[in-house]
């Protein structure tokens, strides 16, 4: 079955960096686009970034453009989210997501807290 497992979250000071990972299994990873979403306390889950099946330039929500970079390693069935210049408003649980066989699958999420 499809499994998505995020890791790499934590507590970081404003201006710092984190790299999130999402390890996947249960499907042919190299043929599917992948996405990152986040959900801040009391807010709706929002889309952050996506990358095509072959990688290359990702697309980003405006609030993270120029600070976040999404990438993938098809040999490791893993996607990444490099987050630089973090701000307190980036605090959220971050999820990876795939639309596979007509169903949306989510990981369990990883908490990112940006605070001094």
PDB file of N, CA and C in Angstrom:
ATOM      1  N   UNK A   1       0.840  -1.189   0.000  1.00  0.00           N
ATOM      2  CA  UNK A   1       0.000   0.000   0.000  1.00  0.00           C
ATOM      3  C   UNK A   1       0.881   1.248   0.000  1.00  0.00           C
ATOM      4  N   UNK A   2       0.274   2.346  -0.389  1.00  0.00           N
ATOM      5  CA  UNK A   2       1.016   3.610  -0.454  1.00  0.00           C
ATOM      6  C   UNK A   2       1.362   4.072   0.960  1.00  0.00           C
ATOM      7  N   UNK A   3       2.627   4.402   1.143  1.00  0.00           N
ATOM      8  CA  UNK A   3       3.080   4.966   2.423  1.00  0.00           C
ATOM      9  C   UNK A   3       3.955   6.172   2.168  1.00  0.00           C
ATOM     10  N   UNK A   4       3.718   7.203   2.949  1.00  0.00           N
ATOM     11  CA  UNK A   4       4.507   8.430   2.896  1.00  0.00           C
ATOM     12  C   UNK A   4       4.954   8.723   4.323  1.00  0.00           C
ATOM     13  N   UNK A   5       6.250   8.902   4.532  1.00  0.00           N
ATOM     14  CA  UNK A   5       6.784   9.135   5.869  1.00  0.00           C
ATOM     15  C   UNK A   5       7.675  10.365   5.850  1.00  0.00           C
ATOM     16  N   UNK A   6       7.193  11.431   6.494  1.00  0.00           N
ATOM     17  CA  UNK A   6       7.957  12.670   6.557  1.00  0.00           C
ATOM     18  C   UNK A   6       8.912  12.655   7.749  1.00  0.00           C
ATOM     19  N   UNK A   7       9.987  13.403   7.604  1.00  0.00           N
ATOM     20  CA  UNK A   7      10.943  13.592   8.694  1.00  0.00           C
ATOM     21  C   UNK A   7      11.698  14.892   8.474  1.00  0.00           C
ATOM     22  N   UNK A   8      12.446  15.307   9.505  1.00  0.00           N
ATOM     23  CA  UNK A   8      13.313  16.471   9.369  1.00  0.00           C
ATOM     24  C   UNK A   8      12.803  17.736  10.016  1.00  0.00           C
ATOM     25  N   UNK A   9      11.608  17.703  10.567  1.00  0.00           N
ATOM     26  CA  UNK A   9      11.092  18.885  11.231  1.00  0.00           C
ATOM     27  C   UNK A   9      11.805  19.154  12.538  1.00  0.00           C
ATOM     28  N   UNK A  10      11.477  20.295  13.145  1.00  0.00           N
ATOM     29  CA  UNK A  10      12.076  20.641  14.428  1.00  0.00           C
ATOM     30  C   UNK A  10      11.870  22.093  14.765  1.00  0.00           C
ATOM     31  N   UNK A  11      12.599  22.549  15.777  1.00  0.00           N
ATOM     32  CA  UNK A  11      12.560  23.939  16.225  1.00  0.00           C
ATOM     33  C   UNK A  11      13.766  24.670  15.647  1.00  0.00           C
ATOM     34  N   UNK A  12      13.520  25.796  15.019  1.00  0.00           N
ATOM     35  CA  UNK A  12      14.600  26.568  14.408  1.00  0.00           C
ATOM     36  C   UNK A  12      14.333  28.044  14.640  1.00  0.00           C
ATOM     37  N   UNK A  13      15.400  28.828  14.750  1.00  0.00           N
ATOM     38  CA  UNK A  13      15.257  30.269  14.941  1.00  0.00           C
ATOM     39  C   UNK A  13      14.904  30.946  13.619  1.00  0.00           C
ATOM     40  N   UNK A  14      14.261  32.090  13.683  1.00  0.00           N
ATOM     41  CA  UNK A  14      13.995  32.858  12.450  1.00  0.00           C
ATOM     42  C   UNK A  14      15.287  33.089  11.665  1.00  0.00           C
ATOM     43  N   UNK A  15      15.191  32.922  10.355  1.00  0.00           N
ATOM     44  CA  UNK A  15      16.358  33.029   9.496  1.00  0.00           C
ATOM     45  C   UNK A  15      17.101  31.726   9.292  1.00  0.00           C
ATOM     46  N   UNK A  16      16.735  30.708  10.037  1.00  0.00           N
ATOM     47  CA  UNK A  16      17.407  29.420   9.938  1.00  0.00           C
ATOM     48  C   UNK A  16      16.889  28.573   8.796  1.00  0.00           C
ATOM     49  N   UNK A  17      17.418  27.352   8.731  1.00  0.00           N
ATOM     50  CA  UNK A  17      17.081  26.428   7.645  1.00  0.00           C
ATOM     51  C   UNK A  17      16.735  25.060   8.197  1.00  0.00           C
ATOM     52  N   UNK A  18      15.913  24.356   7.449  1.00  0.00           N
ATOM     53  CA  UNK A  18      15.602  22.954   7.706  1.00  0.00           C
ATOM     54  C   UNK A  18      15.435  22.252   6.367  1.00  0.00           C
ATOM     55  N   UNK A  19      15.699  20.949   6.364  1.00  0.00           N
ATOM     56  CA  UNK A  19      15.448  20.134   5.180  1.00  0.00           C
ATOM     57  C   UNK A  19      14.517  18.999   5.566  1.00  0.00           C
ATOM     58  N   UNK A  20      13.329  19.017   4.983  1.00  0.00           N
ATOM     59  CA  UNK A  20      12.360  17.957   5.206  1.00  0.00           C
ATOM     60  C   UNK A  20      12.537  16.859   4.165  1.00  0.00           C
ATOM     61  N   UNK A  21      12.256  15.640   4.569  1.00  0.00           N
ATOM     62  CA  UNK A  21      12.283  14.492   3.674  1.00  0.00           C
ATOM     63  C   UNK A  21      10.939  13.772   3.734  1.00  0.00           C
ATOM     64  N   UNK A  22      10.574  13.153   2.625  1.00  0.00           N
ATOM     65  CA  UNK A  22       9.375  12.319   2.575  1.00  0.00           C
ATOM     66  C   UNK A  22       9.749  11.029   1.839  1.00  0.00           C
ATOM     67  N   UNK A  23       9.894   9.962   2.603  1.00  0.00           N
ATOM     68  CA  UNK A  23      10.215   8.657   2.033  1.00  0.00           C
ATOM     69  C   UNK A  23       8.924   7.959   1.638  1.00  0.00           C
ATOM     70  N   UNK A  24       8.911   7.376   0.438  1.00  0.00           N
ATOM     71  CA  UNK A  24       7.676   6.797  -0.070  1.00  0.00           C
ATOM     72  C   UNK A  24       7.847   5.317  -0.419  1.00  0.00           C
ATOM     73  N   UNK A  25       6.724   4.620  -0.485  1.00  0.00           N
ATOM     74  CA  UNK A  25       6.713   3.228  -0.922  1.00  0.00           C
ATOM     75  C   UNK A  25       5.305   2.861  -1.370  1.00  0.00           C
ATOM     76  N   UNK A  26       5.210   1.758  -2.114  1.00  0.00           N
ATOM     77  CA  UNK A  26       3.896   1.244  -2.501  1.00  0.00           C
ATOM     78  C   UNK A  26       3.405   1.690  -3.862  1.00  0.00           C
ATOM     79  N   UNK A  27       4.217   2.449  -4.582  1.00  0.00           N
ATOM     80  CA  UNK A  27       3.840   2.875  -5.927  1.00  0.00           C
ATOM     81  C   UNK A  27       5.112   3.183  -6.706  1.00  0.00           C
ATOM     82  N   UNK A  28       4.961   3.349  -8.013  1.00  0.00           N
ATOM     83  CA  UNK A  28       6.117   3.642  -8.869  1.00  0.00           C
ATOM     84  C   UNK A  28       6.434   5.123  -8.770  1.00  0.00           C
ATOM     85  N   UNK A  29       7.293   5.434  -7.825  1.00  0.00           N
ATOM     86  CA  UNK A  29       7.565   6.815  -7.436  1.00  0.00           C
ATOM     87  C   UNK A  29       7.948   7.690  -8.622  1.00  0.00           C
ATOM     88  N   UNK A  30       8.763   7.161  -9.516  1.00  0.00           N
ATOM     89  CA  UNK A  30       9.339   7.989 -10.579  1.00  0.00           C
ATOM     90  C   UNK A  30       8.332   8.450 -11.613  1.00  0.00           C
ATOM     91  N   UNK A  31       7.095   7.972 -11.533  1.00  0.00           N
ATOM     92  CA  UNK A  31       6.099   8.347 -12.537  1.00  0.00           C
ATOM     93  C   UNK A  31       5.029   9.288 -12.000  1.00  0.00           C
ATOM     94  N   UNK A  32       5.187   9.766 -10.780  1.00  0.00           N
ATOM     95  CA  UNK A  32       4.163  10.607 -10.174  1.00  0.00           C
ATOM     96  C   UNK A  32       4.729  11.932  -9.685  1.00  0.00           C
ATOM     97  N   UNK A  33       3.962  12.993  -9.932  1.00  0.00           N
ATOM     98  CA  UNK A  33       4.259  14.266  -9.304  1.00  0.00           C
ATOM     99  C   UNK A  33       4.013  14.156  -7.799  1.00  0.00           C
ATOM    100  N   UNK A  34       4.715  14.973  -7.050  1.00  0.00           N
ATOM    101  CA  UNK A  34       4.569  14.985  -5.600  1.00  0.00           C
ATOM    102  C   UNK A  34       4.390  16.417  -5.120  1.00  0.00           C
ATOM    103  N   UNK A  35       3.794  16.558  -3.953  1.00  0.00           N
ATOM    104  CA  UNK A  35       3.540  17.895  -3.410  1.00  0.00           C
ATOM    105  C   UNK A  35       3.822  17.936  -1.911  1.00  0.00           C
ATOM    106  N   UNK A  36       4.097  19.134  -1.445  1.00  0.00           N
ATOM    107  CA  UNK A  36       4.170  19.423  -0.009  1.00  0.00           C
ATOM    108  C   UNK A  36       3.032  20.383   0.339  1.00  0.00           C
ATOM    109  N   UNK A  37       2.416  20.132   1.473  1.00  0.00           N
ATOM    110  CA  UNK A  37       1.393  20.996   2.044  1.00  0.00           C
ATOM    111  C   UNK A  37       1.802  21.300   3.486  1.00  0.00           C
ATOM    112  N   UNK A  38       1.135  22.288   4.072  1.00  0.00           N
ATOM    113  CA  UNK A  38       1.348  22.574   5.484  1.00  0.00           C
ATOM    114  C   UNK A  38       0.043  23.034   6.127  1.00  0.00           C
ATOM    115  N   UNK A  39      -0.016  22.850   7.442  1.00  0.00           N
ATOM    116  CA  UNK A  39      -1.191  23.274   8.198  1.00  0.00           C
ATOM    117  C   UNK A  39      -0.741  23.920   9.488  1.00  0.00           C
ATOM    118  N   UNK A  40      -1.019  25.214   9.593  1.00  0.00           N
ATOM    119  CA  UNK A  40      -0.698  25.958  10.797  1.00  0.00           C
ATOM    120  C   UNK A  40      -1.844  25.820  11.794  1.00  0.00           C
ATOM    121  N   UNK A  41      -1.569  26.027  13.082  1.00  0.00           N
ATOM    122  CA  UNK A  41      -2.624  25.894  14.097  1.00  0.00           C
ATOM    123  C   UNK A  41      -3.822  26.775  13.780  1.00  0.00           C
ATOM    124  N   UNK A  42      -4.999  26.185  13.775  1.00  0.00           N
ATOM    125  CA  UNK A  42      -6.219  26.947  13.556  1.00  0.00           C
ATOM    126  C   UNK A  42      -6.478  27.362  12.127  1.00  0.00           C
ATOM    127  N   UNK A  43      -5.660  26.853  11.208  1.00  0.00           N
ATOM    128  CA  UNK A  43      -5.813  27.243   9.800  1.00  0.00           C
ATOM    129  C   UNK A  43      -6.049  26.019   8.919  1.00  0.00           C
ATOM    130  N   UNK A  44      -6.521  26.289   7.699  1.00  0.00           N
ATOM    131  CA  UNK A  44      -6.720  25.220   6.729  1.00  0.00           C
ATOM    132  C   UNK A  44      -5.360  24.725   6.212  1.00  0.00           C
ATOM    133  N   UNK A  45      -5.342  23.485   5.789  1.00  0.00           N
ATOM    134  CA  UNK A  45      -4.141  22.965   5.146  1.00  0.00           C
ATOM    135  C   UNK A  45      -3.942  23.681   3.813  1.00  0.00           C
ATOM    136  N   UNK A  46      -2.707  24.092   3.526  1.00  0.00           N
ATOM    137  CA  UNK A  46      -2.448  24.833   2.311  1.00  0.00           C
ATOM    138  C   UNK A  46      -1.330  24.193   1.508  1.00  0.00           C
ATOM    139  N   UNK A  47      -1.432  24.344   0.196  1.00  0.00           N
ATOM    140  CA  UNK A  47      -0.415  23.836  -0.704  1.00  0.00           C
ATOM    141  C   UNK A  47       0.841  24.700  -0.590  1.00  0.00           C
ATOM    142  N   UNK A  48       2.010  24.050  -0.621  1.00  0.00           N
ATOM    143  CA  UNK A  48       3.284  24.763  -0.523  1.00  0.00           C
ATOM    144  C   UNK A  48       4.082  24.662  -1.822  1.00  0.00           C
ATOM    145  N   UNK A  49       4.230  23.439  -2.330  1.00  0.00           N
ATOM    146  CA  UNK A  49       5.094  23.251  -3.499  1.00  0.00           C
ATOM    147  C   UNK A  49       4.767  21.924  -4.169  1.00  0.00           C
ATOM    148  N   UNK A  50       5.110  21.837  -5.458  1.00  0.00           N
ATOM    149  CA  UNK A  50       4.963  20.596  -6.207  1.00  0.00           C
ATOM    150  C   UNK A  50       6.127  20.431  -7.160  1.00  0.00           C
ATOM    151  N   UNK A  51       6.404  19.177  -7.503  1.00  0.00           N
ATOM    152  CA  UNK A  51       7.439  18.888  -8.477  1.00  0.00           C
ATOM    153  C   UNK A  51       6.935  17.767  -9.381  1.00  0.00           C
ATOM    154  N   UNK A  52       7.308  17.827 -10.656  1.00  0.00           N
ATOM    155  CA  UNK A  52       6.865  16.805 -11.602  1.00  0.00           C
ATOM    156  C   UNK A  52       7.577  15.478 -11.351  1.00  0.00           C
ATOM    157  N   UNK A  53       7.175  14.471 -12.097  1.00  0.00           N
ATOM    158  CA  UNK A  53       7.746  13.137 -11.901  1.00  0.00           C
ATOM    159  C   UNK A  53       9.245  13.101 -12.191  1.00  0.00           C
ATOM    160  N   UNK A  54       9.698  13.969 -13.077  1.00  0.00           N
ATOM    161  CA  UNK A  54      11.112  13.956 -13.446  1.00  0.00           C
ATOM    162  C   UNK A  54      11.933  14.978 -12.680  1.00  0.00           C
ATOM    163  N   UNK A  55      11.301  15.722 -11.809  1.00  0.00           N
ATOM    164  CA  UNK A  55      12.033  16.731 -11.039  1.00  0.00           C
ATOM    165  C   UNK A  55      12.112  18.036 -11.804  1.00  0.00           C
ATOM    166  N   UNK A  56      13.248  18.664 -11.790  1.00  0.00           N
ATOM    167  CA  UNK A  56      13.376  19.951 -12.445  1.00  0.00           C
ATOM    168  C   UNK A  56      12.824  21.051 -11.558  1.00  0.00           C
ATOM    169  N   UNK A  57      12.475  22.160 -12.160  1.00  0.00           N
ATOM    170  CA  UNK A  57      11.995  23.291 -11.374  1.00  0.00           C
ATOM    171  C   UNK A  57      10.639  22.982 -10.774  1.00  0.00           C
ATOM    172  N   UNK A  58      10.521  23.226  -9.476  1.00  0.00           N
ATOM    173  CA  UNK A  58       9.237  23.051  -8.832  1.00  0.00           C
ATOM    174  C   UNK A  58       8.396  24.297  -8.977  1.00  0.00           C
ATOM    175  N   UNK A  59       7.176  24.227  -8.507  1.00  0.00           N
ATOM    176  CA  UNK A  59       6.307  25.393  -8.426  1.00  0.00           C
ATOM    177  C   UNK A  59       5.955  25.600  -6.961  1.00  0.00           C
ATOM    178  N   UNK A  60       5.782  26.868  -6.584  1.00  0.00           N
ATOM    179  CA  UNK A  60       5.687  27.233  -5.175  1.00  0.00           C
ATOM    180  C   UNK A  60       4.583  28.243  -4.930  1.00  0.00           C
ATOM    181  N   UNK A  61       4.004  28.162  -3.746  1.00  0.00           N
ATOM    182  CA  UNK A  61       3.122  29.225  -3.340  1.00  0.00           C
ATOM    183  C   UNK A  61       3.936  30.495  -3.136  1.00  0.00           C
ATOM    184  N   UNK A  62       3.300  31.633  -3.325  1.00  0.00           N
ATOM    185  CA  UNK A  62       4.047  32.891  -3.356  1.00  0.00           C
ATOM    186  C   UNK A  62       4.786  33.186  -2.052  1.00  0.00           C
ATOM    187  N   UNK A  63       4.235  32.749  -0.932  1.00  0.00           N
ATOM    188  CA  UNK A  63       4.836  33.106   0.356  1.00  0.00           C
ATOM    189  C   UNK A  63       6.168  32.403   0.615  1.00  0.00           C
ATOM    190  N   UNK A  64       6.475  31.346  -0.146  1.00  0.00           N
ATOM    191  CA  UNK A  64       7.729  30.625   0.076  1.00  0.00           C
ATOM    192  C   UNK A  64       8.669  30.725  -1.119  1.00  0.00           C
ATOM    193  N   UNK A  65       8.210  31.316  -2.216  1.00  0.00           N
ATOM    194  CA  UNK A  65       9.025  31.392  -3.429  1.00  0.00           C
ATOM    195  C   UNK A  65      10.321  32.122  -3.140  1.00  0.00           C
ATOM    196  N   UNK A  66      11.430  31.537  -3.584  1.00  0.00           N
ATOM    197  CA  UNK A  66      12.734  32.131  -3.351  1.00  0.00           C
ATOM    198  C   UNK A  66      13.374  31.692  -2.047  1.00  0.00           C
ATOM    199  N   UNK A  67      12.613  31.068  -1.170  1.00  0.00           N
ATOM    200  CA  UNK A  67      13.149  30.585   0.114  1.00  0.00           C
ATOM    201  C   UNK A  67      13.139  29.071   0.215  1.00  0.00           C
ATOM    202  N   UNK A  68      12.142  28.433  -0.383  1.00  0.00           N
ATOM    203  CA  UNK A  68      12.001  26.977  -0.319  1.00  0.00           C
ATOM    204  C   UNK A  68      12.352  26.372  -1.680  1.00  0.00           C
ATOM    205  N   UNK A  69      12.946  25.179  -1.638  1.00  0.00           N
ATOM    206  CA  UNK A  69      13.242  24.437  -2.858  1.00  0.00           C
ATOM    207  C   UNK A  69      12.816  22.992  -2.675  1.00  0.00           C
ATOM    208  N   UNK A  70      11.961  22.537  -3.582  1.00  0.00           N
ATOM    209  CA  UNK A  70      11.530  21.140  -3.553  1.00  0.00           C
ATOM    210  C   UNK A  70      12.333  20.347  -4.571  1.00  0.00           C
ATOM    211  N   UNK A  71      12.732  19.146  -4.183  1.00  0.00           N
ATOM    212  CA  UNK A  71      13.487  18.289  -5.095  1.00  0.00           C
ATOM    213  C   UNK A  71      13.092  16.833  -4.835  1.00  0.00           C
ATOM    214  N   UNK A  72      13.593  15.965  -5.704  1.00  0.00           N
ATOM    215  CA  UNK A  72      13.292  14.549  -5.534  1.00  0.00           C
ATOM    216  C   UNK A  72      14.479  13.714  -5.972  1.00  0.00           C
ATOM    217  N   UNK A  73      14.574  12.529  -5.382  1.00  0.00           N
ATOM    218  CA  UNK A  73      15.590  11.547  -5.765  1.00  0.00           C
ATOM    219  C   UNK A  73      14.830  10.280  -6.137  1.00  0.00           C
ATOM    220  N   UNK A  74      14.676  10.043  -7.429  1.00  0.00           N
ATOM    221  CA  UNK A  74      13.890   8.898  -7.874  1.00  0.00           C
ATOM    222  C   UNK A  74      14.566   7.567  -7.563  1.00  0.00           C
ATOM    223  N   UNK A  75      15.871   7.583  -7.319  1.00  0.00           N
ATOM    224  CA  UNK A  75      16.566   6.355  -6.934  1.00  0.00           C
ATOM    225  C   UNK A  75      16.266   5.974  -5.490  1.00  0.00           C
ATOM    226  N   UNK A  76      15.912   6.976  -4.683  1.00  0.00           N
ATOM    227  CA  UNK A  76      15.632   6.736  -3.259  1.00  0.00           C
ATOM    228  C   UNK A  76      14.144   6.836  -2.936  1.00  0.00           C
ATOM    229  N   UNK A  77      13.318   7.086  -3.959  1.00  0.00           N
ATOM    230  CA  UNK A  77      11.863   7.208  -3.744  1.00  0.00           C
ATOM    231  C   UNK A  77      11.545   8.253  -2.671  1.00  0.00           C
ATOM    232  N   UNK A  78      12.234   9.363  -2.734  1.00  0.00           N
ATOM    233  CA  UNK A  78      12.148  10.372  -1.676  1.00  0.00           C
ATOM    234  C   UNK A  78      12.043  11.760  -2.286  1.00  0.00           C
ATOM    235  N   UNK A  79      11.211  12.597  -1.666  1.00  0.00           N
ATOM    236  CA  UNK A  79      11.170  14.011  -2.014  1.00  0.00           C
ATOM    237  C   UNK A  79      11.673  14.815  -0.820  1.00  0.00           C
ATOM    238  N   UNK A  80      12.151  16.005  -1.139  1.00  0.00           N
ATOM    239  CA  UNK A  80      12.737  16.880  -0.123  1.00  0.00           C
ATOM    240  C   UNK A  80      12.132  18.267  -0.223  1.00  0.00           C
ATOM    241  N   UNK A  81      12.196  18.983   0.890  1.00  0.00           N
ATOM    242  CA  UNK A  81      11.845  20.396   0.894  1.00  0.00           C
ATOM    243  C   UNK A  81      12.923  21.125   1.682  1.00  0.00           C
ATOM    244  N   UNK A  82      13.778  21.823   0.968  1.00  0.00           N
ATOM    245  CA  UNK A  82      14.804  22.653   1.596  1.00  0.00           C
ATOM    246  C   UNK A  82      14.186  23.995   1.922  1.00  0.00           C
ATOM    247  N   UNK A  83      14.199  24.348   3.187  1.00  0.00           N
ATOM    248  CA  UNK A  83      13.561  25.582   3.644  1.00  0.00           C
ATOM    249  C   UNK A  83      14.624  26.498   4.235  1.00  0.00           C
ATOM    250  N   UNK A  84      14.830  27.643   3.611  1.00  0.00           N
ATOM    251  CA  UNK A  84      15.798  28.634   4.065  1.00  0.00           C
ATOM    252  C   UNK A  84      15.086  29.915   4.488  1.00  0.00           C
ATOM    253  N   UNK A  85      15.803  30.750   5.202  1.00  0.00           N
ATOM    254  CA  UNK A  85      15.259  32.043   5.644  1.00  0.00           C
ATOM    255  C   UNK A  85      13.888  31.870   6.289  1.00  0.00           C
ATOM    256  N   UNK A  86      13.812  30.931   7.187  1.00  0.00           N
ATOM    257  CA  UNK A  86      12.517  30.604   7.796  1.00  0.00           C
ATOM    258  C   UNK A  86      11.980  31.748   8.638  1.00  0.00           C
ATOM    259  N   UNK A  87      10.663  31.881   8.616  1.00  0.00           N
ATOM    260  CA  UNK A  87       9.955  32.933   9.345  1.00  0.00           C
ATOM    261  C   UNK A  87       8.995  32.299  10.345  1.00  0.00           C
ATOM    262  N   UNK A  88       8.616  33.027  11.383  1.00  0.00           N
ATOM    263  CA  UNK A  88       7.644  32.468  12.338  1.00  0.00           C
ATOM    264  C   UNK A  88       6.355  32.006  11.657  1.00  0.00           C
ATOM    265  N   UNK A  89       5.956  32.677  10.591  1.00  0.00           N
ATOM    266  CA  UNK A  89       4.716  32.293   9.905  1.00  0.00           C
ATOM    267  C   UNK A  89       4.856  31.004   9.099  1.00  0.00           C
ATOM    268  N   UNK A  90       6.057  30.446   9.023  1.00  0.00           N
ATOM    269  CA  UNK A  90       6.241  29.129   8.410  1.00  0.00           C
ATOM    270  C   UNK A  90       5.948  27.999   9.400  1.00  0.00           C
ATOM    271  N   UNK A  91       5.710  28.349  10.654  1.00  0.00           N
ATOM    272  CA  UNK A  91       5.395  27.336  11.653  1.00  0.00           C
ATOM    273  C   UNK A  91       4.129  26.583  11.266  1.00  0.00           C
ATOM    274  N   UNK A  92       4.243  25.259  11.177  1.00  0.00           N
ATOM    275  CA  UNK A  92       3.126  24.421  10.732  1.00  0.00           C
ATOM    276  C   UNK A  92       3.551  22.963  10.792  1.00  0.00           C
ATOM    277  N   UNK A  93       2.577  22.089  10.626  1.00  0.00           N
ATOM    278  CA  UNK A  93       2.873  20.689  10.337  1.00  0.00           C
ATOM    279  C   UNK A  93       2.949  20.561   8.821  1.00  0.00           C
ATOM    280  N   UNK A  94       4.027  19.959   8.345  1.00  0.00           N
ATOM    281  CA  UNK A  94       4.266  19.822   6.904  1.00  0.00           C
ATOM    282  C   UNK A  94       3.989  18.381   6.496  1.00  0.00           C
ATOM    283  N   UNK A  95       3.240  18.259   5.380  1.00  0.00           N
ATOM    284  CA  UNK A  95       2.815  16.968   4.879  1.00  0.00           C
ATOM    285  C   UNK A  95       3.255  16.795   3.428  1.00  0.00           C
ATOM    286  N   UNK A  96       3.642  15.585   3.052  1.00  0.00           N
ATOM    287  CA  UNK A  96       3.762  15.302   1.631  1.00  0.00           C
ATOM    288  C   UNK A  96       2.499  14.586   1.172  1.00  0.00           C
ATOM    289  N   UNK A  97       2.241  14.704  -0.131  1.00  0.00           N
ATOM    290  CA  UNK A  97       0.978  14.265  -0.691  1.00  0.00           C
ATOM    291  C   UNK A  97       1.178  13.711  -2.081  1.00  0.00           C
ATOM    292  N   UNK A  98       0.379  12.673  -2.420  1.00  0.00           N
ATOM    293  CA  UNK A  98       0.349  12.159  -3.772  1.00  0.00           C
ATOM    294  C   UNK A  98      -1.095  11.836  -4.142  1.00  0.00           C
ATOM    295  N   UNK A  99      -1.434  12.112  -5.389  1.00  0.00           N
ATOM    296  CA  UNK A  99      -2.691  11.661  -5.977  1.00  0.00           C
ATOM    297  C   UNK A  99      -2.364  10.405  -6.773  1.00  0.00           C
ATOM    298  N   UNK A 100      -2.851   9.260  -6.301  1.00  0.00           N
ATOM    299  CA  UNK A 100      -2.505   7.978  -6.892  1.00  0.00           C
ATOM    300  C   UNK A 100      -3.770   7.155  -7.091  1.00  0.00           C
ATOM    301  N   UNK A 101      -4.007   6.711  -8.301  1.00  0.00           N
ATOM    302  CA  UNK A 101      -5.158   5.871  -8.621  1.00  0.00           C
ATOM    303  C   UNK A 101      -6.461   6.490  -8.127  1.00  0.00           C
ATOM    304  N   UNK A 102      -6.569   7.790  -8.292  1.00  0.00           N
ATOM    305  CA  UNK A 102      -7.790   8.493  -7.925  1.00  0.00           C
ATOM    306  C   UNK A 102      -7.957   8.799  -6.450  1.00  0.00           C
ATOM    307  N   UNK A 103      -6.960   8.470  -5.649  1.00  0.00           N
ATOM    308  CA  UNK A 103      -7.038   8.737  -4.213  1.00  0.00           C
ATOM    309  C   UNK A 103      -5.885   9.649  -3.799  1.00  0.00           C
ATOM    310  N   UNK A 104      -6.170  10.493  -2.819  1.00  0.00           N
ATOM    311  CA  UNK A 104      -5.138  11.341  -2.240  1.00  0.00           C
ATOM    312  C   UNK A 104      -4.577  10.662  -1.003  1.00  0.00           C
ATOM    313  N   UNK A 105      -3.260  10.570  -0.956  1.00  0.00           N
ATOM    314  CA  UNK A 105      -2.567   9.981   0.192  1.00  0.00           C
ATOM    315  C   UNK A 105      -1.703  11.047   0.855  1.00  0.00           C
ATOM    316  N   UNK A 106      -1.709  11.003   2.189  1.00  0.00           N
ATOM    317  CA  UNK A 106      -0.922  11.935   3.001  1.00  0.00           C
ATOM    318  C   UNK A 106       0.005  11.157   3.918  1.00  0.00           C
ATOM    319  N   UNK A 107       1.110  11.775   4.247  1.00  0.00           N
ATOM    320  CA  UNK A 107       1.928  11.256   5.328  1.00  0.00           C
ATOM    321  C   UNK A 107       1.367  11.707   6.662  1.00  0.00           C
ATOM    322  N   UNK A 108       2.095  11.356   7.736  1.00  0.00           N
ATOM    323  CA  UNK A 108       1.627  11.709   9.079  1.00  0.00           C
ATOM    324  C   UNK A 108       2.003  13.133   9.453  1.00  0.00           C
ATOM    325  N   UNK A 109       2.915  13.730   8.695  1.00  0.00           N
ATOM    326  CA  UNK A 109       3.320  15.101   8.928  1.00  0.00           C
ATOM    327  C   UNK A 109       4.540  15.210   9.827  1.00  0.00           C
ATOM    328  N   UNK A 110       5.235  16.334   9.706  1.00  0.00           N
ATOM    329  CA  UNK A 110       6.370  16.644  10.568  1.00  0.00           C
ATOM    330  C   UNK A 110       6.248  18.103  11.002  1.00  0.00           C
ATOM    331  N   UNK A 111       6.435  18.342  12.297  1.00  0.00           N
ATOM    332  CA  UNK A 111       6.227  19.672  12.862  1.00  0.00           C
ATOM    333  C   UNK A 111       7.446  20.550  12.619  1.00  0.00           C
ATOM    334  N   UNK A 112       7.194  21.745  12.104  1.00  0.00           N
ATOM    335  CA  UNK A 112       8.222  22.777  11.961  1.00  0.00           C
ATOM    336  C   UNK A 112       7.806  23.969  12.817  1.00  0.00           C
ATOM    337  N   UNK A 113       8.669  24.355  13.734  1.00  0.00           N
ATOM    338  CA  UNK A 113       8.403  25.500  14.596  1.00  0.00           C
ATOM    339  C   UNK A 113       9.533  26.508  14.438  1.00  0.00           C
ATOM    340  N   UNK A 114       9.172  27.725  14.041  1.00  0.00           N
ATOM    341  CA  UNK A 114      10.155  28.791  13.852  1.00  0.00           C
ATOM    342  C   UNK A 114       9.933  29.825  14.952  1.00  0.00           C
ATOM    343  N   UNK A 115      10.865  29.888  15.868  1.00  0.00           N
ATOM    344  CA  UNK A 115      10.702  30.762  17.033  1.00  0.00           C
ATOM    345  C   UNK A 115      12.057  31.061  17.646  1.00  0.00           C
ATOM    346  N   UNK A 116      12.159  32.263  18.208  1.00  0.00           N
ATOM    347  CA  UNK A 116      13.379  32.626  18.926  1.00  0.00           C
ATOM    348  C   UNK A 116      13.235  32.335  20.410  1.00  0.00           C
TER     349      UNK A 116
END
